[in-house]
PDB file of N, CA and C in Angstrom:
ATOM      1  N   MET A   1      92.486  48.449 -41.261  1.00  0.00           N
ATOM      2  CA  MET A   1      93.073  48.639 -42.559  1.00  0.00           C
ATOM      3  C   MET A   1      92.628  49.984 -43.094  1.00  0.00           C
ATOM      4  N   SER A   2      93.588  50.829 -43.451  1.00  0.00           N
ATOM      5  CA  SER A   2      93.238  52.149 -43.918  1.00  0.00           C
ATOM      6  C   SER A   2      93.069  52.152 -45.429  1.00  0.00           C
ATOM      7  N   GLU A   3      92.159  52.960 -45.883  1.00  0.00           N
ATOM      8  CA  GLU A   3      91.929  53.087 -47.308  1.00  0.00           C
ATOM      9  C   GLU A   3      93.003  53.999 -47.894  1.00  0.00           C
ATOM     10  N   GLN A   4      93.590  53.581 -49.023  1.00  0.00           N
ATOM     11  CA  GLN A   4      94.557  54.383 -49.724  1.00  0.00           C
ATOM     12  C   GLN A   4      94.147  54.513 -51.166  1.00  0.00           C
ATOM     13  N   ASN A   5      94.443  55.623 -51.745  1.00  0.00           N
ATOM     14  CA  ASN A   5      94.134  55.870 -53.126  1.00  0.00           C
ATOM     15  C   ASN A   5      95.341  55.655 -54.033  1.00  0.00           C
ATOM     16  N   GLU A   6      96.275  54.854 -53.607  1.00  0.00           N
ATOM     17  CA  GLU A   6      97.499  54.617 -54.382  1.00  0.00           C
ATOM     18  C   GLU A   6      97.218  53.601 -55.445  1.00  0.00           C
ATOM     19  N   ASP A   7      97.795  53.791 -56.604  1.00  0.00           N
ATOM     20  CA  ASP A   7      97.701  52.815 -57.667  1.00  0.00           C
ATOM     21  C   ASP A   7      98.722  51.707 -57.368  1.00  0.00           C
ATOM     22  N   ILE A   8      98.340  50.472 -57.682  1.00  0.00           N
ATOM     23  CA  ILE A   8      99.251  49.395 -57.480  1.00  0.00           C
ATOM     24  C   ILE A   8     100.079  49.232 -58.716  1.00  0.00           C
ATOM     25  N   ASP A   9     101.376  49.092 -58.533  1.00  0.00           N
ATOM     26  CA  ASP A   9     102.301  48.887 -59.650  1.00  0.00           C
ATOM     27  C   ASP A   9     102.327  47.397 -59.971  1.00  0.00           C
ATOM     28  N   PHE A  10     101.653  46.983 -61.027  1.00  0.00           N
ATOM     29  CA  PHE A  10     101.516  45.578 -61.354  1.00  0.00           C
ATOM     30  C   PHE A  10     102.837  44.961 -61.880  1.00  0.00           C
ATOM     31  N   THR A  11     103.773  45.791 -62.276  1.00  0.00           N
ATOM     32  CA  THR A  11     105.003  45.217 -62.817  1.00  0.00           C
ATOM     33  C   THR A  11     106.089  45.049 -61.789  1.00  0.00           C
ATOM     34  N   ASP A  12     106.127  45.895 -60.730  1.00  0.00           N
ATOM     35  CA  ASP A  12     107.267  45.847 -59.799  1.00  0.00           C
ATOM     36  C   ASP A  12     106.891  45.300 -58.413  1.00  0.00           C
ATOM     37  N   SER A  13     105.667  45.509 -57.959  1.00  0.00           N
ATOM     38  CA  SER A  13     105.385  45.129 -56.593  1.00  0.00           C
ATOM     39  C   SER A  13     104.972  43.675 -56.468  1.00  0.00           C
ATOM     40  N   ARG A  14     105.338  43.071 -55.413  1.00  0.00           N
ATOM     41  CA  ARG A  14     104.983  41.663 -55.138  1.00  0.00           C
ATOM     42  C   ARG A  14     103.452  41.575 -54.984  1.00  0.00           C
ATOM     43  N   GLU A  15     102.873  42.563 -54.307  1.00  0.00           N
ATOM     44  CA  GLU A  15     101.424  42.605 -54.152  1.00  0.00           C
ATOM     45  C   GLU A  15     100.717  42.683 -55.475  1.00  0.00           C
ATOM     46  N   GLY A  16     101.233  43.538 -56.358  1.00  0.00           N
ATOM     47  CA  GLY A  16     100.683  43.630 -57.703  1.00  0.00           C
ATOM     48  C   GLY A  16     100.779  42.361 -58.471  1.00  0.00           C
ATOM     49  N   GLN A  17     101.863  41.630 -58.347  1.00  0.00           N
ATOM     50  CA  GLN A  17     102.052  40.348 -59.072  1.00  0.00           C
ATOM     51  C   GLN A  17     101.006  39.342 -58.589  1.00  0.00           C
ATOM     52  N   PHE A  18     100.797  39.259 -57.276  1.00  0.00           N
ATOM     53  CA  PHE A  18      99.763  38.364 -56.775  1.00  0.00           C
ATOM     54  C   PHE A  18      98.395  38.731 -57.301  1.00  0.00           C
ATOM     55  N   MET A  19      98.094  40.024 -57.286  1.00  0.00           N
ATOM     56  CA  MET A  19      96.798  40.446 -57.783  1.00  0.00           C
ATOM     57  C   MET A  19      96.637  40.142 -59.270  1.00  0.00           C
ATOM     58  N   TYR A  20      97.683  40.387 -60.027  1.00  0.00           N
ATOM     59  CA  TYR A  20      97.613  40.109 -61.462  1.00  0.00           C
ATOM     60  C   TYR A  20      97.380  38.612 -61.689  1.00  0.00           C
ATOM     61  N   GLU A  21      98.109  37.748 -60.983  1.00  0.00           N
ATOM     62  CA  GLU A  21      97.912  36.276 -61.126  1.00  0.00           C
ATOM     63  C   GLU A  21      96.496  35.883 -60.675  1.00  0.00           C
ATOM     64  N   ASP A  22      96.035  36.459 -59.618  1.00  0.00           N
ATOM     65  CA  ASP A  22      94.663  36.157 -59.136  1.00  0.00           C
ATOM     66  C   ASP A  22      93.657  36.584 -60.186  1.00  0.00           C
ATOM     67  N   LEU A  23      93.791  37.765 -60.732  1.00  0.00           N
ATOM     68  CA  LEU A  23      92.843  38.250 -61.765  1.00  0.00           C
ATOM     69  C   LEU A  23      92.902  37.391 -63.003  1.00  0.00           C
ATOM     70  N   ARG A  24      94.062  36.962 -63.395  1.00  0.00           N
ATOM     71  CA  ARG A  24      94.226  36.075 -64.553  1.00  0.00           C
ATOM     72  C   ARG A  24      93.546  34.753 -64.293  1.00  0.00           C
ATOM     73  N   ARG A  25      93.736  34.193 -63.110  1.00  0.00           N
ATOM     74  CA  ARG A  25      93.122  32.904 -62.779  1.00  0.00           C
ATOM     75  C   ARG A  25      91.608  33.039 -62.687  1.00  0.00           C
ATOM     76  N   ILE A  26      91.098  34.149 -62.140  1.00  0.00           N
ATOM     77  CA  ILE A  26      89.683  34.375 -62.079  1.00  0.00           C
ATOM     78  C   ILE A  26      89.102  34.427 -63.484  1.00  0.00           C
ATOM     79  N   ASN A  27      89.789  35.118 -64.396  1.00  0.00           N
ATOM     80  CA  ASN A  27      89.355  35.183 -65.784  1.00  0.00           C
ATOM     81  C   ASN A  27      89.304  33.806 -66.418  1.00  0.00           C
ATOM     82  N   GLU A  28      90.327  33.012 -66.202  1.00  0.00           N
ATOM     83  CA  GLU A  28      90.372  31.648 -66.739  1.00  0.00           C
ATOM     84  C   GLU A  28      89.199  30.809 -66.221  1.00  0.00           C
ATOM     85  N   LEU A  29      88.943  30.915 -64.899  1.00  0.00           N
ATOM     86  CA  LEU A  29      87.826  30.152 -64.306  1.00  0.00           C
ATOM     87  C   LEU A  29      86.462  30.632 -64.798  1.00  0.00           C
ATOM     88  N   GLU A  30      86.322  31.903 -65.017  1.00  0.00           N
ATOM     89  CA  GLU A  30      85.046  32.429 -65.572  1.00  0.00           C
ATOM     90  C   GLU A  30      84.835  31.903 -66.982  1.00  0.00           C
ATOM     91  N   GLN A  31      85.882  31.829 -67.787  1.00  0.00           N
ATOM     92  CA  GLN A  31      85.756  31.300 -69.145  1.00  0.00           C
ATOM     93  C   GLN A  31      85.417  29.807 -69.109  1.00  0.00           C
ATOM     94  N   GLU A  32      86.055  29.081 -68.236  1.00  0.00           N
ATOM     95  CA  GLU A  32      85.785  27.659 -68.088  1.00  0.00           C
ATOM     96  C   GLU A  32      84.334  27.435 -67.609  1.00  0.00           C
ATOM     97  N   ASN A  33      83.911  28.251 -66.659  1.00  0.00           N
ATOM     98  CA  ASN A  33      82.538  28.158 -66.134  1.00  0.00           C
ATOM     99  C   ASN A  33      81.530  28.403 -67.252  1.00  0.00           C
ATOM    100  N   GLN A  34      81.793  29.390 -68.086  1.00  0.00           N
ATOM    101  CA  GLN A  34      80.880  29.698 -69.219  1.00  0.00           C
ATOM    102  C   GLN A  34      80.786  28.514 -70.190  1.00  0.00           C
ATOM    103  N   LYS A  35      81.919  27.876 -70.484  1.00  0.00           N
ATOM    104  CA  LYS A  35      81.932  26.719 -71.382  1.00  0.00           C
ATOM    105  C   LYS A  35      81.136  25.567 -70.764  1.00  0.00           C
ATOM    106  N   LEU A  36      81.292  25.361 -69.453  1.00  0.00           N
ATOM    107  CA  LEU A  36      80.527  24.322 -68.799  1.00  0.00           C
ATOM    108  C   LEU A  36      79.017  24.588 -68.783  1.00  0.00           C
ATOM    109  N   ARG A  37      78.649  25.854 -68.584  1.00  0.00           N
ATOM    110  CA  ARG A  37      77.214  26.228 -68.662  1.00  0.00           C
ATOM    111  C   ARG A  37      76.645  25.950 -70.061  1.00  0.00           C
ATOM    112  N   GLU A  38      77.424  26.290 -71.067  1.00  0.00           N
ATOM    113  CA  GLU A  38      76.969  26.063 -72.454  1.00  0.00           C
ATOM    114  C   GLU A  38      76.826  24.541 -72.725  1.00  0.00           C
ATOM    115  N   GLU A  39      77.787  23.757 -72.220  1.00  0.00           N
ATOM    116  CA  GLU A  39      77.686  22.309 -72.424  1.00  0.00           C
ATOM    117  C   GLU A  39      76.488  21.748 -71.681  1.00  0.00           C
ATOM    118  N   LEU A  40      76.272  22.201 -70.468  1.00  0.00           N
ATOM    119  CA  LEU A  40      75.115  21.728 -69.702  1.00  0.00           C
ATOM    120  C   LEU A  40      73.808  22.098 -70.389  1.00  0.00           C
ATOM    121  N   ALA A  41      73.747  23.308 -70.920  1.00  0.00           N
ATOM    122  CA  ALA A  41      72.522  23.761 -71.578  1.00  0.00           C
ATOM    123  C   ALA A  41      72.189  22.902 -72.794  1.00  0.00           C
ATOM    124  N   ARG A  42      73.206  22.293 -73.398  1.00  0.00           N
ATOM    125  CA  ARG A  42      72.912  21.407 -74.548  1.00  0.00           C
ATOM    126  C   ARG A  42      72.060  20.217 -74.123  1.00  0.00           C
ATOM    127  N   TYR A  43      72.121  19.824 -72.862  1.00  0.00           N
ATOM    128  CA  TYR A  43      71.429  18.624 -72.393  1.00  0.00           C
ATOM    129  C   TYR A  43      70.321  18.920 -71.442  1.00  0.00           C
ATOM    130  N   GLU A  44      69.652  20.019 -71.613  1.00  0.00           N
ATOM    131  CA  GLU A  44      68.457  20.340 -70.854  1.00  0.00           C
ATOM    132  C   GLU A  44      67.232  20.043 -71.710  1.00  0.00           C
ATOM    133  N   TRP A  45      66.134  19.750 -71.063  1.00  0.00           N
ATOM    134  CA  TRP A  45      64.902  19.461 -71.812  1.00  0.00           C
ATOM    135  C   TRP A  45      64.412  20.712 -72.479  1.00  0.00           C
ATOM    136  N   ARG A  46      63.976  20.592 -73.718  1.00  0.00           N
ATOM    137  CA  ARG A  46      63.510  21.715 -74.529  1.00  0.00           C
ATOM    138  C   ARG A  46      62.136  21.407 -75.043  1.00  0.00           C
ATOM    139  N   PRO A  47      61.316  22.413 -75.367  1.00  0.00           N
ATOM    140  CA  PRO A  47      60.012  22.186 -75.957  1.00  0.00           C
ATOM    141  C   PRO A  47      60.120  21.396 -77.290  1.00  0.00           C
ATOM    142  N   ILE A  48      59.242  20.471 -77.510  1.00  0.00           N
ATOM    143  CA  ILE A  48      59.306  19.590 -78.685  1.00  0.00           C
ATOM    144  C   ILE A  48      59.247  20.390 -79.979  1.00  0.00           C
ATOM    145  N   GLU A  49      58.657  21.574 -79.925  1.00  0.00           N
ATOM    146  CA  GLU A  49      58.529  22.411 -81.134  1.00  0.00           C
ATOM    147  C   GLU A  49      59.905  22.826 -81.696  1.00  0.00           C
ATOM    148  N   SER A  50      60.906  22.825 -80.835  1.00  0.00           N
ATOM    149  CA  SER A  50      62.246  23.221 -81.285  1.00  0.00           C
ATOM    150  C   SER A  50      63.118  22.033 -81.704  1.00  0.00           C
ATOM    151  N   ALA A  51      62.585  20.840 -81.673  1.00  0.00           N
ATOM    152  CA  ALA A  51      63.341  19.624 -82.015  1.00  0.00           C
ATOM    153  C   ALA A  51      63.641  19.547 -83.498  1.00  0.00           C
ATOM    154  N   PRO A  52      64.797  18.944 -83.859  1.00  0.00           N
ATOM    155  CA  PRO A  52      65.092  18.778 -85.275  1.00  0.00           C
ATOM    156  C   PRO A  52      64.130  17.809 -85.947  1.00  0.00           C
ATOM    157  N   LYS A  53      63.768  18.142 -87.133  1.00  0.00           N
ATOM    158  CA  LYS A  53      62.847  17.268 -87.898  1.00  0.00           C
ATOM    159  C   LYS A  53      63.523  16.755 -89.180  1.00  0.00           C
ATOM    160  N   ASP A  54      64.806  16.460 -89.014  1.00  0.00           N
ATOM    161  CA  ASP A  54      65.576  15.972 -90.172  1.00  0.00           C
ATOM    162  C   ASP A  54      65.949  14.506 -90.051  1.00  0.00           C
ATOM    163  N   GLY A  55      65.285  13.778 -89.178  1.00  0.00           N
ATOM    164  CA  GLY A  55      65.561  12.350 -88.955  1.00  0.00           C
ATOM    165  C   GLY A  55      66.579  12.054 -87.897  1.00  0.00           C
ATOM    166  N   THR A  56      67.150  13.095 -87.272  1.00  0.00           N
ATOM    167  CA  THR A  56      68.110  12.925 -86.205  1.00  0.00           C
ATOM    168  C   THR A  56      67.440  12.236 -84.969  1.00  0.00           C
ATOM    169  N   SER A  57      68.079  11.216 -84.445  1.00  0.00           N
ATOM    170  CA  SER A  57      67.576  10.553 -83.269  1.00  0.00           C
ATOM    171  C   SER A  57      67.810  11.474 -82.054  1.00  0.00           C
ATOM    172  N   ILE A  58      66.757  11.585 -81.222  1.00  0.00           N
ATOM    173  CA  ILE A  58      66.850  12.438 -80.036  1.00  0.00           C
ATOM    174  C   ILE A  58      66.167  11.702 -78.896  1.00  0.00           C
ATOM    175  N   LEU A  59      66.347  12.219 -77.688  1.00  0.00           N
ATOM    176  CA  LEU A  59      65.673  11.702 -76.514  1.00  0.00           C
ATOM    177  C   LEU A  59      64.395  12.522 -76.315  1.00  0.00           C
ATOM    178  N   VAL A  60      63.258  11.853 -76.123  1.00  0.00           N
ATOM    179  CA  VAL A  60      61.980  12.555 -75.959  1.00  0.00           C
ATOM    180  C   VAL A  60      61.277  12.072 -74.714  1.00  0.00           C
ATOM    181  N   CYS A  61      60.397  12.924 -74.187  1.00  0.00           N
ATOM    182  CA  CYS A  61      59.538  12.534 -73.066  1.00  0.00           C
ATOM    183  C   CYS A  61      58.247  13.291 -73.168  1.00  0.00           C
ATOM    184  N   ASN A  62      57.293  12.891 -72.342  1.00  0.00           N
ATOM    185  CA  ASN A  62      56.016  13.616 -72.291  1.00  0.00           C
ATOM    186  C   ASN A  62      55.850  14.086 -70.856  1.00  0.00           C
ATOM    187  N   ALA A  63      56.008  15.423 -70.640  1.00  0.00           N
ATOM    188  CA  ALA A  63      55.935  16.000 -69.315  1.00  0.00           C
ATOM    189  C   ALA A  63      54.517  16.013 -68.759  1.00  0.00           C
ATOM    190  N   THR A  64      53.522  15.853 -69.594  1.00  0.00           N
ATOM    191  CA  THR A  64      52.148  15.857 -69.174  1.00  0.00           C
ATOM    192  C   THR A  64      51.767  14.573 -68.470  1.00  0.00           C
ATOM    193  N   ILE A  65      52.141  13.422 -69.060  1.00  0.00           N
ATOM    194  CA  ILE A  65      51.749  12.138 -68.478  1.00  0.00           C
ATOM    195  C   ILE A  65      52.884  11.451 -67.763  1.00  0.00           C
ATOM    196  N   GLY A  66      54.125  11.941 -67.944  1.00  0.00           N
ATOM    197  CA  GLY A  66      55.261  11.351 -67.283  1.00  0.00           C
ATOM    198  C   GLY A  66      55.736  10.114 -68.026  1.00  0.00           C
ATOM    199  N   GLY A  67      56.456   9.264 -67.310  1.00  0.00           N
ATOM    200  CA  GLY A  67      57.007   8.074 -67.950  1.00  0.00           C
ATOM    201  C   GLY A  67      58.463   8.284 -68.270  1.00  0.00           C
ATOM    202  N   GLU A  68      59.066   7.193 -68.723  1.00  0.00           N
ATOM    203  CA  GLU A  68      60.493   7.276 -69.007  1.00  0.00           C
ATOM    204  C   GLU A  68      60.755   7.873 -70.390  1.00  0.00           C
ATOM    205  N   PRO A  69      61.888   8.556 -70.516  1.00  0.00           N
ATOM    206  CA  PRO A  69      62.292   9.097 -71.812  1.00  0.00           C
ATOM    207  C   PRO A  69      62.629   7.961 -72.763  1.00  0.00           C
ATOM    208  N   MET A  70      62.540   8.223 -74.067  1.00  0.00           N
ATOM    209  CA  MET A  70      62.896   7.237 -75.064  1.00  0.00           C
ATOM    210  C   MET A  70      63.452   7.898 -76.294  1.00  0.00           C
ATOM    211  N   CYS A  71      64.117   7.107 -77.099  1.00  0.00           N
ATOM    212  CA  CYS A  71      64.695   7.633 -78.365  1.00  0.00           C
ATOM    213  C   CYS A  71      63.594   7.705 -79.392  1.00  0.00           C
ATOM    214  N   ALA A  72      63.697   8.742 -80.271  1.00  0.00           N
ATOM    215  CA  ALA A  72      62.728   8.921 -81.341  1.00  0.00           C
ATOM    216  C   ALA A  72      63.386   9.762 -82.436  1.00  0.00           C
ATOM    217  N   HIS A  73      62.726   9.763 -83.580  1.00  0.00           N
ATOM    218  CA  HIS A  73      63.138  10.673 -84.673  1.00  0.00           C
ATOM    219  C   HIS A  73      61.821  11.095 -85.363  1.00  0.00           C
ATOM    220  N   TYR A  74      61.884  12.237 -86.010  1.00  0.00           N
ATOM    221  CA  TYR A  74      60.730  12.758 -86.713  1.00  0.00           C
ATOM    222  C   TYR A  74      60.687  12.135 -88.110  1.00  0.00           C
ATOM    223  N   SER A  75      59.513  11.680 -88.498  1.00  0.00           N
ATOM    224  CA  SER A  75      59.290  11.144 -89.846  1.00  0.00           C
ATOM    225  C   SER A  75      58.524  12.118 -90.677  1.00  0.00           C
ATOM    226  N   ALA A  76      59.169  12.658 -91.709  1.00  0.00           N
ATOM    227  CA  ALA A  76      58.473  13.557 -92.620  1.00  0.00           C
ATOM    228  C   ALA A  76      57.388  12.812 -93.449  1.00  0.00           C
ATOM    229  N   ILE A  77      57.648  11.508 -93.660  1.00  0.00           N
ATOM    230  CA  ILE A  77      56.685  10.713 -94.435  1.00  0.00           C
ATOM    231  C   ILE A  77      55.356  10.586 -93.690  1.00  0.00           C
ATOM    232  N   TYR A  78      55.435  10.286 -92.390  1.00  0.00           N
ATOM    233  CA  TYR A  78      54.229  10.111 -91.567  1.00  0.00           C
ATOM    234  C   TYR A  78      53.835  11.392 -90.816  1.00  0.00           C
ATOM    235  N   ASN A  79      54.690  12.394 -90.864  1.00  0.00           N
ATOM    236  CA  ASN A  79      54.433  13.658 -90.187  1.00  0.00           C
ATOM    237  C   ASN A  79      54.203  13.494 -88.700  1.00  0.00           C
ATOM    238  N   ASN A  80      55.021  12.605 -88.080  1.00  0.00           N
ATOM    239  CA  ASN A  80      54.932  12.442 -86.626  1.00  0.00           C
ATOM    240  C   ASN A  80      56.211  11.886 -86.078  1.00  0.00           C
ATOM    241  N   TRP A  81      56.282  11.718 -84.760  1.00  0.00           N
ATOM    242  CA  TRP A  81      57.477  11.210 -84.096  1.00  0.00           C
ATOM    243  C   TRP A  81      57.431   9.696 -84.100  1.00  0.00           C
ATOM    244  N   GLN A  82      58.468   9.055 -84.550  1.00  0.00           N
ATOM    245  CA  GLN A  82      58.592   7.605 -84.558  1.00  0.00           C
ATOM    246  C   GLN A  82      59.417   7.216 -83.342  1.00  0.00           C
ATOM    247  N   LEU A  83      58.800   6.411 -82.460  1.00  0.00           N
ATOM    248  CA  LEU A  83      59.426   6.015 -81.189  1.00  0.00           C
ATOM    249  C   LEU A  83      60.001   4.623 -81.305  1.00  0.00           C
ATOM    250  N   GLU A  84      60.906   4.289 -80.376  1.00  0.00           N
ATOM    251  CA  GLU A  84      61.493   2.956 -80.374  1.00  0.00           C
ATOM    252  C   GLU A  84      60.412   1.895 -80.146  1.00  0.00           C
ATOM    253  N   ARG A  85      59.506   2.178 -79.250  1.00  0.00           N
ATOM    254  CA  ARG A  85      58.434   1.225 -79.013  1.00  0.00           C
ATOM    255  C   ARG A  85      57.158   1.720 -79.623  1.00  0.00           C
ATOM    256  N   LYS A  86      56.278   0.783 -79.861  1.00  0.00           N
ATOM    257  CA  LYS A  86      55.040   1.164 -80.560  1.00  0.00           C
ATOM    258  C   LYS A  86      54.020   1.714 -79.583  1.00  0.00           C
ATOM    259  N   GLY A  87      53.062   2.385 -80.090  1.00  0.00           N
ATOM    260  CA  GLY A  87      51.997   2.953 -79.283  1.00  0.00           C
ATOM    261  C   GLY A  87      51.766   4.403 -79.579  1.00  0.00           C
ATOM    262  N   VAL A  88      50.658   4.874 -79.141  1.00  0.00           N
ATOM    263  CA  VAL A  88      50.305   6.302 -79.353  1.00  0.00           C
ATOM    264  C   VAL A  88      50.900   7.086 -78.194  1.00  0.00           C
ATOM    265  N   TRP A  89      51.734   8.015 -78.486  1.00  0.00           N
ATOM    266  CA  TRP A  89      52.418   8.780 -77.460  1.00  0.00           C
ATOM    267  C   TRP A  89      52.988  10.023 -78.131  1.00  0.00           C
ATOM    268  N   ILE A  90      52.618  11.176 -77.606  1.00  0.00           N
ATOM    269  CA  ILE A  90      53.062  12.458 -78.203  1.00  0.00           C
ATOM    270  C   ILE A  90      54.051  13.114 -77.251  1.00  0.00           C
ATOM    271  N   PRO A  91      55.307  13.262 -77.692  1.00  0.00           N
ATOM    272  CA  PRO A  91      56.300  13.911 -76.805  1.00  0.00           C
ATOM    273  C   PRO A  91      56.024  15.406 -76.634  1.00  0.00           C
ATOM    274  N   THR A  92      56.437  15.914 -75.481  1.00  0.00           N
ATOM    275  CA  THR A  92      56.302  17.349 -75.246  1.00  0.00           C
ATOM    276  C   THR A  92      57.655  18.041 -75.124  1.00  0.00           C
ATOM    277  N   HIS A  93      58.713  17.244 -74.876  1.00  0.00           N
ATOM    278  CA  HIS A  93      60.077  17.810 -74.716  1.00  0.00           C
ATOM    279  C   HIS A  93      61.080  16.905 -75.333  1.00  0.00           C
ATOM    280  N   TRP A  94      62.275  17.450 -75.544  1.00  0.00           N
ATOM    281  CA  TRP A  94      63.359  16.667 -76.152  1.00  0.00           C
ATOM    282  C   TRP A  94      64.710  17.164 -75.673  1.00  0.00           C
ATOM    283  N   MET A  95      65.767  16.408 -75.921  1.00  0.00           N
ATOM    284  CA  MET A  95      67.117  16.830 -75.712  1.00  0.00           C
ATOM    285  C   MET A  95      67.985  15.977 -76.676  1.00  0.00           C
ATOM    286  N   PRO A  96      69.159  16.511 -77.040  1.00  0.00           N
ATOM    287  CA  PRO A  96      70.027  15.718 -77.934  1.00  0.00           C
ATOM    288  C   PRO A  96      70.612  14.532 -77.183  1.00  0.00           C
ATOM    289  N   LEU A  97      70.945  13.530 -77.929  1.00  0.00           N
ATOM    290  CA  LEU A  97      71.644  12.368 -77.340  1.00  0.00           C
ATOM    291  C   LEU A  97      73.099  12.725 -77.152  1.00  0.00           C
ATOM    292  N   HIS A  98      73.689  12.181 -76.130  1.00  0.00           N
ATOM    293  CA  HIS A  98      75.132  12.352 -75.888  1.00  0.00           C
ATOM    294  C   HIS A  98      75.899  11.584 -76.962  1.00  0.00           C
ATOM    295  N   GLU A  99      77.130  12.009 -77.218  1.00  0.00           N
ATOM    296  CA  GLU A  99      78.022  11.288 -78.105  1.00  0.00           C
ATOM    297  C   GLU A  99      78.294   9.928 -77.474  1.00  0.00           C
ATOM    298  N   PRO A 100      78.443   8.871 -78.288  1.00  0.00           N
ATOM    299  CA  PRO A 100      78.797   7.595 -77.737  1.00  0.00           C
ATOM    300  C   PRO A 100      80.237   7.601 -77.195  1.00  0.00           C
ATOM    301  N   PRO A 101      80.597   6.701 -76.329  1.00  0.00           N
ATOM    302  CA  PRO A 101      81.967   6.680 -75.791  1.00  0.00           C
ATOM    303  C   PRO A 101      82.947   6.364 -76.900  1.00  0.00           C
ATOM    304  N   ALA A 102      84.168   6.822 -76.724  1.00  0.00           N
ATOM    305  CA  ALA A 102      85.241   6.545 -77.683  1.00  0.00           C
ATOM    306  C   ALA A 102      85.543   5.065 -77.673  1.00  0.00           C
ATOM    307  N   PRO A 103      85.955   4.499 -78.808  1.00  0.00           N
ATOM    308  CA  PRO A 103      86.319   3.092 -78.802  1.00  0.00           C
ATOM    309  C   PRO A 103      87.453   2.811 -77.806  1.00  0.00           C
ATOM    310  N   GLU A 104      87.379   1.666 -77.146  1.00  0.00           N
ATOM    311  CA  GLU A 104      88.413   1.326 -76.213  1.00  0.00           C
ATOM    312  C   GLU A 104      89.616   0.746 -76.950  1.00  0.00           C
ATOM    313  N   GLU A 105      90.789   0.965 -76.366  1.00  0.00           N
ATOM    314  CA  GLU A 105      92.002   0.430 -76.938  1.00  0.00           C
ATOM    315  C   GLU A 105      91.972  -1.102 -76.755  1.00  0.00           C
ATOM    316  N   PRO A 106      92.469  -1.854 -77.716  1.00  0.00           N
ATOM    317  CA  PRO A 106      92.547  -3.325 -77.537  1.00  0.00           C
ATOM    318  C   PRO A 106      93.348  -3.689 -76.280  1.00  0.00           C
ATOM    319  N   GLY A 107      92.854  -4.643 -75.522  1.00  0.00           N
ATOM    320  CA  GLY A 107      93.584  -5.124 -74.370  1.00  0.00           C
ATOM    321  C   GLY A 107      93.327  -4.306 -73.084  1.00  0.00           C
ATOM    322  N   THR A 108      92.385  -3.312 -73.131  1.00  0.00           N
ATOM    323  CA  THR A 108      92.122  -2.537 -71.941  1.00  0.00           C
ATOM    324  C   THR A 108      90.878  -3.003 -71.227  1.00  0.00           C
TER     325      THR A 108
END
């Protein structure tokens, strides 16, 4: 294949049309990929220091001692994390809870 310094006419040539469509599709896929990365990043474990302290329920875990994640919310009254189950346990990481599923249609 020889190298040519010719410009491709994107309006008239069949080759140019394919390249234009390919470039457009690549751009669409890159945008979709970026949206997926952003969505995935929403559900990665984060340091507990960055967790909301407004009473929002979140998923927490303790990376130091392990164990299963659990739901919790921060209590401004007690100045600590309130867990679903009782006991002394200090979370080190958190992530937001996923949205619940949409209601099912009757009869499905």
